[in-house]
């Protein structure tokens, strides 16, 4: 499979291409993901770092963190585009920034032990107090 997806921030200043080869996807309810998105949770899809490439606006990125792990936002509109995780080897693409529809769907809710009290999970996906540790691990 060599299907590429396009993603971008709200204002369009930062754009990226990513292969539709995500390894895992989840909805993260941790307090950091809630704060960085301004939402009840962050739907994300994980993929090896080298499979995502910025196509526009690299000079407009606002990075919060360091080379081993950070959140990448558009410095103009503030949209969270992706998080660099696992010592810089993977990215968690914020699924809401994808223009194209990925073939993967979130398979679990993680960090529900710290989810927002005002939000009720109403689907049947498995819920984990923290992260999932297994093959194709999901660790925010």
C-alpha atoms as a PDB file:
ATOM      1  CA  UNK A   1       0.000   0.000   0.000  1.00  0.00           C
ATOM      2  CA  UNK A   2       1.371   3.397  -0.930  1.00  0.00           C
ATOM      3  CA  UNK A   3      -1.698   5.552  -0.309  1.00  0.00           C
ATOM      4  CA  UNK A   4      -0.808   8.960   1.075  1.00  0.00           C
ATOM      5  CA  UNK A   5      -3.108  11.126   3.140  1.00  0.00           C
ATOM      6  CA  UNK A   6      -3.027  14.889   3.381  1.00  0.00           C
ATOM      7  CA  UNK A   7      -3.377  16.799   6.618  1.00  0.00           C
ATOM      8  CA  UNK A   8      -3.293  20.456   7.586  1.00  0.00           C
ATOM      9  CA  UNK A   9      -3.904  22.944  10.357  1.00  0.00           C
ATOM     10  CA  UNK A  10      -6.970  25.173  10.602  1.00  0.00           C
ATOM     11  CA  UNK A  11      -5.428  28.112   8.711  1.00  0.00           C
ATOM     12  CA  UNK A  12      -3.623  25.906   6.158  1.00  0.00           C
ATOM     13  CA  UNK A  13      -0.164  27.349   6.853  1.00  0.00           C
ATOM     14  CA  UNK A  14       1.204  23.936   7.881  1.00  0.00           C
ATOM     15  CA  UNK A  15       0.473  20.894   5.747  1.00  0.00           C
ATOM     16  CA  UNK A  16       1.734  17.334   5.764  1.00  0.00           C
ATOM     17  CA  UNK A  17       1.528  14.034   3.920  1.00  0.00           C
ATOM     18  CA  UNK A  18       1.416  10.710   5.747  1.00  0.00           C
ATOM     19  CA  UNK A  19       1.214   7.152   4.490  1.00  0.00           C
ATOM     20  CA  UNK A  20      -2.045   5.385   5.225  1.00  0.00           C
ATOM     21  CA  UNK A  21      -0.091   2.728   7.125  1.00  0.00           C
ATOM     22  CA  UNK A  22      -0.991   3.572  10.722  1.00  0.00           C
ATOM     23  CA  UNK A  23      -0.043   0.905  13.260  1.00  0.00           C
ATOM     24  CA  UNK A  24      -2.650   1.800  15.886  1.00  0.00           C
ATOM     25  CA  UNK A  25      -5.247   4.424  16.752  1.00  0.00           C
ATOM     26  CA  UNK A  26      -6.943   5.408  20.006  1.00  0.00           C
ATOM     27  CA  UNK A  27      -8.775   8.147  21.846  1.00  0.00           C
ATOM     28  CA  UNK A  28      -6.549   9.549  24.594  1.00  0.00           C
ATOM     29  CA  UNK A  29      -8.270  11.105  27.613  1.00  0.00           C
ATOM     30  CA  UNK A  30      -5.133  12.157  29.537  1.00  0.00           C
ATOM     31  CA  UNK A  31      -5.033  15.690  30.910  1.00  0.00           C
ATOM     32  CA  UNK A  32      -2.196  16.707  28.564  1.00  0.00           C
ATOM     33  CA  UNK A  33      -4.131  15.661  25.456  1.00  0.00           C
ATOM     34  CA  UNK A  34      -7.246  17.416  26.742  1.00  0.00           C
ATOM     35  CA  UNK A  35      -5.309  20.623  27.335  1.00  0.00           C
ATOM     36  CA  UNK A  36      -3.446  20.591  24.035  1.00  0.00           C
ATOM     37  CA  UNK A  37      -6.636  19.988  22.018  1.00  0.00           C
ATOM     38  CA  UNK A  38      -9.133  21.878  24.160  1.00  0.00           C
ATOM     39  CA  UNK A  39     -11.397  18.847  23.903  1.00  0.00           C
ATOM     40  CA  UNK A  40     -12.523  15.851  25.979  1.00  0.00           C
ATOM     41  CA  UNK A  41      -9.976  13.580  24.260  1.00  0.00           C
ATOM     42  CA  UNK A  42      -7.518  13.403  21.383  1.00  0.00           C
ATOM     43  CA  UNK A  43      -8.244  10.875  18.616  1.00  0.00           C
ATOM     44  CA  UNK A  44      -4.829   9.949  17.236  1.00  0.00           C
ATOM     45  CA  UNK A  45      -3.223   7.444  14.887  1.00  0.00           C
ATOM     46  CA  UNK A  46       0.319   6.193  15.454  1.00  0.00           C
ATOM     47  CA  UNK A  47       2.886   5.666  12.712  1.00  0.00           C
ATOM     48  CA  UNK A  48       6.653   5.508  12.298  1.00  0.00           C
ATOM     49  CA  UNK A  49       8.152   9.010  12.190  1.00  0.00           C
ATOM     50  CA  UNK A  50       9.672   8.652   8.729  1.00  0.00           C
ATOM     51  CA  UNK A  51       6.224   8.019   7.189  1.00  0.00           C
ATOM     52  CA  UNK A  52       5.074  11.600   7.872  1.00  0.00           C
ATOM     53  CA  UNK A  53       6.532  14.522   5.914  1.00  0.00           C
ATOM     54  CA  UNK A  54       5.743  18.193   6.160  1.00  0.00           C
ATOM     55  CA  UNK A  55       4.874  19.574   2.739  1.00  0.00           C
ATOM     56  CA  UNK A  56       4.363  23.201   3.736  1.00  0.00           C
ATOM     57  CA  UNK A  57       5.022  25.501   6.676  1.00  0.00           C
ATOM     58  CA  UNK A  58       7.827  23.766   8.573  1.00  0.00           C
ATOM     59  CA  UNK A  59       9.074  27.241   9.561  1.00  0.00           C
ATOM     60  CA  UNK A  60       5.648  27.960  11.063  1.00  0.00           C
ATOM     61  CA  UNK A  61       5.681  25.042  13.527  1.00  0.00           C
ATOM     62  CA  UNK A  62       5.452  25.724  17.241  1.00  0.00           C
ATOM     63  CA  UNK A  63       7.145  22.860  19.080  1.00  0.00           C
ATOM     64  CA  UNK A  64       6.374  22.162  22.733  1.00  0.00           C
ATOM     65  CA  UNK A  65       8.907  19.657  24.075  1.00  0.00           C
ATOM     66  CA  UNK A  66      12.221  18.399  22.751  1.00  0.00           C
ATOM     67  CA  UNK A  67      13.720  16.085  20.109  1.00  0.00           C
ATOM     68  CA  UNK A  68      12.724  12.912  21.945  1.00  0.00           C
ATOM     69  CA  UNK A  69       9.085  13.897  22.423  1.00  0.00           C
ATOM     70  CA  UNK A  70       6.975  16.938  21.640  1.00  0.00           C
ATOM     71  CA  UNK A  71       3.701  18.347  20.390  1.00  0.00           C
ATOM     72  CA  UNK A  72       3.825  20.129  17.018  1.00  0.00           C
ATOM     73  CA  UNK A  73       1.340  22.968  16.586  1.00  0.00           C
ATOM     74  CA  UNK A  74       0.843  25.553  13.882  1.00  0.00           C
ATOM     75  CA  UNK A  75       2.436  28.712  15.239  1.00  0.00           C
ATOM     76  CA  UNK A  76      -0.249  30.843  13.542  1.00  0.00           C
ATOM     77  CA  UNK A  77      -3.586  29.183  14.349  1.00  0.00           C
ATOM     78  CA  UNK A  78      -2.468  26.879  17.178  1.00  0.00           C
ATOM     79  CA  UNK A  79      -3.795  23.601  15.729  1.00  0.00           C
ATOM     80  CA  UNK A  80      -2.153  20.486  17.167  1.00  0.00           C
ATOM     81  CA  UNK A  81      -0.923  18.488  14.170  1.00  0.00           C
ATOM     82  CA  UNK A  82       0.998  15.617  15.735  1.00  0.00           C
ATOM     83  CA  UNK A  83       2.910  14.479  18.775  1.00  0.00           C
ATOM     84  CA  UNK A  84       6.407  13.011  18.537  1.00  0.00           C
ATOM     85  CA  UNK A  85       6.570  10.005  20.898  1.00  0.00           C
ATOM     86  CA  UNK A  86       8.614   6.895  21.754  1.00  0.00           C
ATOM     87  CA  UNK A  87      11.959   8.703  21.881  1.00  0.00           C
ATOM     88  CA  UNK A  88      11.226  10.318  18.518  1.00  0.00           C
ATOM     89  CA  UNK A  89      10.575   7.127  16.561  1.00  0.00           C
ATOM     90  CA  UNK A  90       6.775   7.480  16.188  1.00  0.00           C
ATOM     91  CA  UNK A  91       4.273  10.272  15.640  1.00  0.00           C
ATOM     92  CA  UNK A  92       0.714  10.379  16.895  1.00  0.00           C
ATOM     93  CA  UNK A  93      -1.178  12.220  14.177  1.00  0.00           C
ATOM     94  CA  UNK A  94      -4.133  14.223  15.481  1.00  0.00           C
ATOM     95  CA  UNK A  95      -6.842  12.580  13.377  1.00  0.00           C
ATOM     96  CA  UNK A  96      -8.911  15.759  13.218  1.00  0.00           C
ATOM     97  CA  UNK A  97      -6.212  17.396  11.068  1.00  0.00           C
ATOM     98  CA  UNK A  98      -6.469  14.764   8.334  1.00  0.00           C
ATOM     99  CA  UNK A  99      -8.160  16.017   5.162  1.00  0.00           C
ATOM    100  CA  UNK A 100      -8.374  12.485   3.772  1.00  0.00           C
ATOM    101  CA  UNK A 101     -10.149   9.587   5.479  1.00  0.00           C
ATOM    102  CA  UNK A 102      -7.657   7.061   6.938  1.00  0.00           C
ATOM    103  CA  UNK A 103      -8.302   3.338   6.744  1.00  0.00           C
ATOM    104  CA  UNK A 104      -7.760   2.969  10.520  1.00  0.00           C
ATOM    105  CA  UNK A 105     -10.240   3.810  13.271  1.00  0.00           C
ATOM    106  CA  UNK A 106      -9.600   4.239  17.003  1.00  0.00           C
ATOM    107  CA  UNK A 107      -9.790   0.861  18.740  1.00  0.00           C
ATOM    108  CA  UNK A 108      -9.689   1.922  22.405  1.00  0.00           C
ATOM    109  CA  UNK A 109     -10.015   4.724  24.917  1.00  0.00           C
ATOM    110  CA  UNK A 110      -6.822   5.221  26.919  1.00  0.00           C
ATOM    111  CA  UNK A 111      -6.132   7.107  30.145  1.00  0.00           C
ATOM    112  CA  UNK A 112      -9.804   7.025  31.089  1.00  0.00           C
ATOM    113  CA  UNK A 113      -8.648   7.118  34.721  1.00  0.00           C
ATOM    114  CA  UNK A 114      -8.040  10.825  34.200  1.00  0.00           C
ATOM    115  CA  UNK A 115     -10.801  11.613  31.694  1.00  0.00           C
ATOM    116  CA  UNK A 116     -12.892  14.767  32.011  1.00  0.00           C
ATOM    117  CA  UNK A 117     -15.677  14.266  34.557  1.00  0.00           C
ATOM    118  CA  UNK A 118     -18.117  16.142  32.339  1.00  0.00           C
ATOM    119  CA  UNK A 119     -17.650  13.705  29.418  1.00  0.00           C
ATOM    120  CA  UNK A 120     -19.341  10.305  29.137  1.00  0.00           C
ATOM    121  CA  UNK A 121     -17.935   7.653  26.817  1.00  0.00           C
ATOM    122  CA  UNK A 122     -20.905   6.177  24.979  1.00  0.00           C
ATOM    123  CA  UNK A 123     -19.345   3.731  22.495  1.00  0.00           C
ATOM    124  CA  UNK A 124     -18.375   0.093  22.993  1.00  0.00           C
ATOM    125  CA  UNK A 125     -14.599   0.468  22.518  1.00  0.00           C
ATOM    126  CA  UNK A 126     -12.440  -1.013  25.295  1.00  0.00           C
ATOM    127  CA  UNK A 127     -11.450   1.445  28.022  1.00  0.00           C
ATOM    128  CA  UNK A 128      -8.075   1.430  29.774  1.00  0.00           C
ATOM    129  CA  UNK A 129      -7.187   3.310  32.947  1.00  0.00           C
ATOM    130  CA  UNK A 130      -3.777   4.154  31.469  1.00  0.00           C
ATOM    131  CA  UNK A 131      -2.139   3.043  28.221  1.00  0.00           C
ATOM    132  CA  UNK A 132      -2.307  -0.248  26.390  1.00  0.00           C
ATOM    133  CA  UNK A 133       0.862  -2.303  26.342  1.00  0.00           C
ATOM    134  CA  UNK A 134       0.790  -4.954  23.626  1.00  0.00           C
ATOM    135  CA  UNK A 135       1.888  -5.575  20.069  1.00  0.00           C
ATOM    136  CA  UNK A 136       1.383  -2.325  18.169  1.00  0.00           C
ATOM    137  CA  UNK A 137       1.377  -0.646  21.566  1.00  0.00           C
ATOM    138  CA  UNK A 138      -0.549   2.510  22.270  1.00  0.00           C
ATOM    139  CA  UNK A 139       1.339   4.651  24.744  1.00  0.00           C
ATOM    140  CA  UNK A 140       0.605   8.356  24.808  1.00  0.00           C
END
